[in-house]
Amino acid sequence: MTKPLIGTEVAEKIEEHLPGAVVEAGENSILLNSESVLDICRFLNQTAGLDFDYLTNLTAVDYLDYFEVVYHLVSMKHNHSLVLKARCFNRENPTIPSVTSIWGGADFQEREVYDLLGIRFDGHYNMKRIFLWEGFQGHPLRRDFL
């Protein structure tokens, strides 16, 4: 069982390195500025003592006013975990940076989120549907999908 890190403590380290990148931090998670996701994830992956080398899960939630992308990270070296969140406010063309350059396992997970919710991951090398066929109209996990 991994030990969850306190979000506020990790957020302080992020803010020292990338000022303005953290929107808010709680005990269980950190809400990030969506433009800074790639830089923050690279920092968390490459910083000694954090070493988040494994993305266990990437998903998203539709809150009608915005989409929230959720990342569950684990450090195999230190046996600790962290939850990151980032929001997309543009329902017409929601985008967020891809983290496939850091964690290759994000490939299919980002494609799943794109397919089912329509969130594009900028920098993803193969952003196409993974479950539904090309030409399928809409994204079935959106709350406004009919």
C-alpha atoms as a PDB file:
ATOM      1  CA  MET A   1       0.000   0.000   0.000  1.00  0.00           C
ATOM      2  CA  THR A   2       1.387   3.379  -0.958  1.00  0.00           C
ATOM      3  CA  LYS A   3       1.522   6.282   1.459  1.00  0.00           C
ATOM      4  CA  PRO A   4      -0.388   9.316   0.133  1.00  0.00           C
ATOM      5  CA  LEU A   5       1.596  12.536   0.337  1.00  0.00           C
ATOM      6  CA  ILE A   6      -0.039  15.633   1.804  1.00  0.00           C
ATOM      7  CA  GLY A   7      -1.094  17.834  -1.123  1.00  0.00           C
ATOM      8  CA  THR A   8      -0.282  21.132   0.591  1.00  0.00           C
ATOM      9  CA  GLU A   9       3.302  20.049   1.307  1.00  0.00           C
ATOM     10  CA  VAL A  10       3.961  18.973  -2.288  1.00  0.00           C
ATOM     11  CA  ALA A  11       2.244  22.140  -3.560  1.00  0.00           C
ATOM     12  CA  GLU A  12       4.785  24.246  -1.636  1.00  0.00           C
ATOM     13  CA  LYS A  13       7.630  22.450  -3.429  1.00  0.00           C
ATOM     14  CA  ILE A  14       5.934  22.977  -6.781  1.00  0.00           C
ATOM     15  CA  GLU A  15       5.374  26.680  -6.068  1.00  0.00           C
ATOM     16  CA  GLU A  16       9.053  27.141  -5.200  1.00  0.00           C
ATOM     17  CA  HIS A  17      10.019  25.731  -8.586  1.00  0.00           C
ATOM     18  CA  LEU A  18       7.045  26.935 -10.706  1.00  0.00           C
ATOM     19  CA  PRO A  19       5.363  29.988  -9.136  1.00  0.00           C
ATOM     20  CA  GLY A  20       1.683  30.349 -10.036  1.00  0.00           C
ATOM     21  CA  ALA A  21       1.327  26.746 -11.209  1.00  0.00           C
ATOM     22  CA  VAL A  22      -0.834  25.626  -8.261  1.00  0.00           C
ATOM     23  CA  VAL A  23      -4.418  26.914  -8.114  1.00  0.00           C
ATOM     24  CA  GLU A  24      -5.229  25.312  -4.754  1.00  0.00           C
ATOM     25  CA  ALA A  25      -4.028  22.458  -2.605  1.00  0.00           C
ATOM     26  CA  GLY A  26      -5.797  20.301  -0.106  1.00  0.00           C
ATOM     27  CA  GLU A  27      -4.796  17.397   2.050  1.00  0.00           C
ATOM     28  CA  ASN A  28      -5.624  14.804  -0.619  1.00  0.00           C
ATOM     29  CA  SER A  29      -4.974  16.519  -3.949  1.00  0.00           C
ATOM     30  CA  ILE A  30      -3.517  19.494  -5.815  1.00  0.00           C
ATOM     31  CA  LEU A  31      -5.445  21.556  -8.367  1.00  0.00           C
ATOM     32  CA  LEU A  32      -3.087  22.791 -11.090  1.00  0.00           C
ATOM     33  CA  ASN A  33      -3.106  25.555 -13.639  1.00  0.00           C
ATOM     34  CA  SER A  34      -3.878  23.527 -16.787  1.00  0.00           C
ATOM     35  CA  GLU A  35      -1.208  25.277 -18.888  1.00  0.00           C
ATOM     36  CA  SER A  36       1.455  24.133 -16.401  1.00  0.00           C
ATOM     37  CA  VAL A  37       0.509  20.441 -16.256  1.00  0.00           C
ATOM     38  CA  LEU A  38       3.427  19.194 -18.361  1.00  0.00           C
ATOM     39  CA  ASP A  39       6.040  21.246 -16.487  1.00  0.00           C
ATOM     40  CA  ILE A  40       4.650  20.212 -13.099  1.00  0.00           C
ATOM     41  CA  CYS A  41       4.528  16.533 -14.030  1.00  0.00           C
ATOM     42  CA  ARG A  42       8.098  16.695 -15.332  1.00  0.00           C
ATOM     43  CA  PHE A  43       9.151  18.348 -12.038  1.00  0.00           C
ATOM     44  CA  LEU A  44       7.382  15.647  -9.985  1.00  0.00           C
ATOM     45  CA  ASN A  45       8.964  12.916 -12.104  1.00  0.00           C
ATOM     46  CA  GLN A  46      12.539  14.251 -12.011  1.00  0.00           C
ATOM     47  CA  THR A  47      12.858  15.740  -8.515  1.00  0.00           C
ATOM     48  CA  ALA A  48      14.813  13.701  -5.990  1.00  0.00           C
ATOM     49  CA  GLY A  49      12.647  12.718  -3.048  1.00  0.00           C
ATOM     50  CA  LEU A  50       9.476  12.809  -5.141  1.00  0.00           C
ATOM     51  CA  ASP A  51      10.427  10.599  -8.128  1.00  0.00           C
ATOM     52  CA  PHE A  52       6.879   9.989  -9.408  1.00  0.00           C
ATOM     53  CA  ASP A  53       7.783   7.384 -11.999  1.00  0.00           C
ATOM     54  CA  TYR A  54       4.389   5.746 -12.521  1.00  0.00           C
ATOM     55  CA  LEU A  55       1.046   7.106 -13.692  1.00  0.00           C
ATOM     56  CA  THR A  56      -1.488   4.616 -12.354  1.00  0.00           C
ATOM     57  CA  ASN A  57      -4.598   6.313 -13.671  1.00  0.00           C
ATOM     58  CA  LEU A  58      -5.655   9.282 -15.772  1.00  0.00           C
ATOM     59  CA  THR A  59      -9.343  10.099 -16.102  1.00  0.00           C
ATOM     60  CA  ALA A  60     -11.684  13.071 -16.375  1.00  0.00           C
ATOM     61  CA  VAL A  61     -15.017  14.249 -14.989  1.00  0.00           C
ATOM     62  CA  ASP A  62     -17.626  16.516 -16.614  1.00  0.00           C
ATOM     63  CA  TYR A  63     -18.971  19.059 -14.099  1.00  0.00           C
ATOM     64  CA  LEU A  64     -21.009  20.920 -16.787  1.00  0.00           C
ATOM     65  CA  ASP A  65     -19.178  24.218 -16.082  1.00  0.00           C
ATOM     66  CA  TYR A  66     -15.792  22.617 -16.695  1.00  0.00           C
ATOM     67  CA  PHE A  67     -13.980  19.331 -17.217  1.00  0.00           C
ATOM     68  CA  GLU A  68     -11.543  18.113 -14.583  1.00  0.00           C
ATOM     69  CA  VAL A  69      -8.667  15.834 -15.591  1.00  0.00           C
ATOM     70  CA  VAL A  70      -7.408  13.687 -12.696  1.00  0.00           C
ATOM     71  CA  TYR A  71      -3.936  12.106 -12.472  1.00  0.00           C
ATOM     72  CA  HIS A  72      -3.003   9.420  -9.915  1.00  0.00           C
ATOM     73  CA  LEU A  73       0.784   9.234  -9.529  1.00  0.00           C
ATOM     74  CA  VAL A  74       2.976   6.762  -7.658  1.00  0.00           C
ATOM     75  CA  SER A  75       6.662   6.673  -6.794  1.00  0.00           C
ATOM     76  CA  MET A  76       7.819   3.062  -6.863  1.00  0.00           C
ATOM     77  CA  LYS A  77      11.121   4.109  -5.300  1.00  0.00           C
ATOM     78  CA  HIS A  78       9.575   5.839  -2.260  1.00  0.00           C
ATOM     79  CA  ASN A  79       6.212   4.015  -2.174  1.00  0.00           C
ATOM     80  CA  HIS A  80       4.162   7.208  -2.034  1.00  0.00           C
ATOM     81  CA  SER A  81       1.281   8.539  -4.125  1.00  0.00           C
ATOM     82  CA  LEU A  82      -0.277  11.849  -5.159  1.00  0.00           C
ATOM     83  CA  VAL A  83      -3.461  13.026  -6.888  1.00  0.00           C
ATOM     84  CA  LEU A  84      -3.294  15.957  -9.327  1.00  0.00           C
ATOM     85  CA  LYS A  85      -6.247  17.720 -10.947  1.00  0.00           C
ATOM     86  CA  ALA A  86      -6.492  20.268 -13.753  1.00  0.00           C
ATOM     87  CA  ARG A  87      -9.551  21.974 -15.227  1.00  0.00           C
ATOM     88  CA  CYS A  88     -10.605  22.738 -18.795  1.00  0.00           C
ATOM     89  CA  PHE A  89     -13.224  25.500 -18.998  1.00  0.00           C
ATOM     90  CA  ASN A  90     -13.748  25.558 -22.777  1.00  0.00           C
ATOM     91  CA  ARG A  91     -16.524  23.055 -23.584  1.00  0.00           C
ATOM     92  CA  GLU A  92     -16.221  23.632 -27.337  1.00  0.00           C
ATOM     93  CA  ASN A  93     -12.532  22.731 -27.572  1.00  0.00           C
ATOM     94  CA  PRO A  94     -11.179  21.481 -24.226  1.00  0.00           C
ATOM     95  CA  THR A  95      -7.420  20.958 -24.336  1.00  0.00           C
ATOM     96  CA  ILE A  96      -4.682  20.147 -21.875  1.00  0.00           C
ATOM     97  CA  PRO A  97      -1.012  19.209 -22.395  1.00  0.00           C
ATOM     98  CA  SER A  98      -0.215  15.534 -22.918  1.00  0.00           C
ATOM     99  CA  VAL A  99       2.016  13.763 -20.396  1.00  0.00           C
ATOM    100  CA  THR A 100       2.951  10.888 -22.728  1.00  0.00           C
ATOM    101  CA  SER A 101       6.497  12.260 -22.988  1.00  0.00           C
ATOM    102  CA  ILE A 102       6.892  11.608 -19.235  1.00  0.00           C
ATOM    103  CA  TRP A 103       4.792   8.481 -18.735  1.00  0.00           C
ATOM    104  CA  GLY A 104       4.267   6.306 -21.805  1.00  0.00           C
ATOM    105  CA  GLY A 105       1.348   4.640 -20.015  1.00  0.00           C
ATOM    106  CA  ALA A 106      -0.657   7.833 -20.516  1.00  0.00           C
ATOM    107  CA  ASP A 107      -1.055   6.993 -24.217  1.00  0.00           C
ATOM    108  CA  PHE A 108      -4.227   4.883 -24.116  1.00  0.00           C
ATOM    109  CA  GLN A 109      -5.599   6.693 -21.057  1.00  0.00           C
ATOM    110  CA  GLU A 110      -5.451  10.095 -22.791  1.00  0.00           C
ATOM    111  CA  ARG A 111      -7.019   8.569 -25.907  1.00  0.00           C
ATOM    112  CA  GLU A 112      -9.829   7.120 -23.783  1.00  0.00           C
ATOM    113  CA  VAL A 113     -10.553  10.519 -22.223  1.00  0.00           C
ATOM    114  CA  TYR A 114     -10.500  12.113 -25.682  1.00  0.00           C
ATOM    115  CA  ASP A 115     -12.837   9.471 -27.098  1.00  0.00           C
ATOM    116  CA  LEU A 116     -15.400   9.531 -24.291  1.00  0.00           C
ATOM    117  CA  LEU A 117     -15.249  13.196 -23.165  1.00  0.00           C
ATOM    118  CA  GLY A 118     -13.683  15.065 -26.090  1.00  0.00           C
ATOM    119  CA  ILE A 119     -10.713  16.537 -24.209  1.00  0.00           C
ATOM    120  CA  ARG A 120      -7.723  16.906 -26.561  1.00  0.00           C
ATOM    121  CA  PHE A 121      -4.220  16.356 -25.215  1.00  0.00           C
ATOM    122  CA  ASP A 122      -1.811  18.751 -26.946  1.00  0.00           C
ATOM    123  CA  GLY A 123       1.413  17.025 -27.925  1.00  0.00           C
ATOM    124  CA  HIS A 124      -0.068  13.511 -27.985  1.00  0.00           C
ATOM    125  CA  TYR A 125       1.441  11.716 -30.969  1.00  0.00           C
ATOM    126  CA  ASN A 126      -1.651   9.631 -31.852  1.00  0.00           C
ATOM    127  CA  MET A 127      -4.749  11.518 -30.672  1.00  0.00           C
ATOM    128  CA  LYS A 128      -7.552   9.428 -32.175  1.00  0.00           C
ATOM    129  CA  ARG A 129     -10.484   7.442 -30.891  1.00  0.00           C
ATOM    130  CA  ILE A 130      -9.720   4.205 -29.048  1.00  0.00           C
ATOM    131  CA  PHE A 131     -13.194   2.719 -28.324  1.00  0.00           C
ATOM    132  CA  LEU A 132     -15.571   4.269 -30.822  1.00  0.00           C
ATOM    133  CA  TRP A 133     -15.164   4.399 -34.577  1.00  0.00           C
ATOM    134  CA  GLU A 134     -13.880   7.424 -36.474  1.00  0.00           C
ATOM    135  CA  GLY A 135     -16.894   9.437 -37.550  1.00  0.00           C
ATOM    136  CA  PHE A 136     -18.885   8.718 -34.363  1.00  0.00           C
ATOM    137  CA  GLN A 137     -20.708  11.923 -33.489  1.00  0.00           C
ATOM    138  CA  GLY A 138     -20.114  13.288 -29.991  1.00  0.00           C
ATOM    139  CA  HIS A 139     -18.526  12.005 -26.804  1.00  0.00           C
ATOM    140  CA  PRO A 140     -20.795   9.699 -24.755  1.00  0.00           C
ATOM    141  CA  LEU A 141     -19.561  10.531 -21.232  1.00  0.00           C
ATOM    142  CA  ARG A 142     -20.335  14.234 -21.572  1.00  0.00           C
ATOM    143  CA  ARG A 143     -23.312  15.237 -19.528  1.00  0.00           C
ATOM    144  CA  ASP A 144     -24.850  17.020 -22.517  1.00  0.00           C
ATOM    145  CA  PHE A 145     -24.562  13.974 -24.836  1.00  0.00           C
ATOM    146  CA  LEU A 146     -27.945  12.857 -26.148  1.00  0.00           C
END
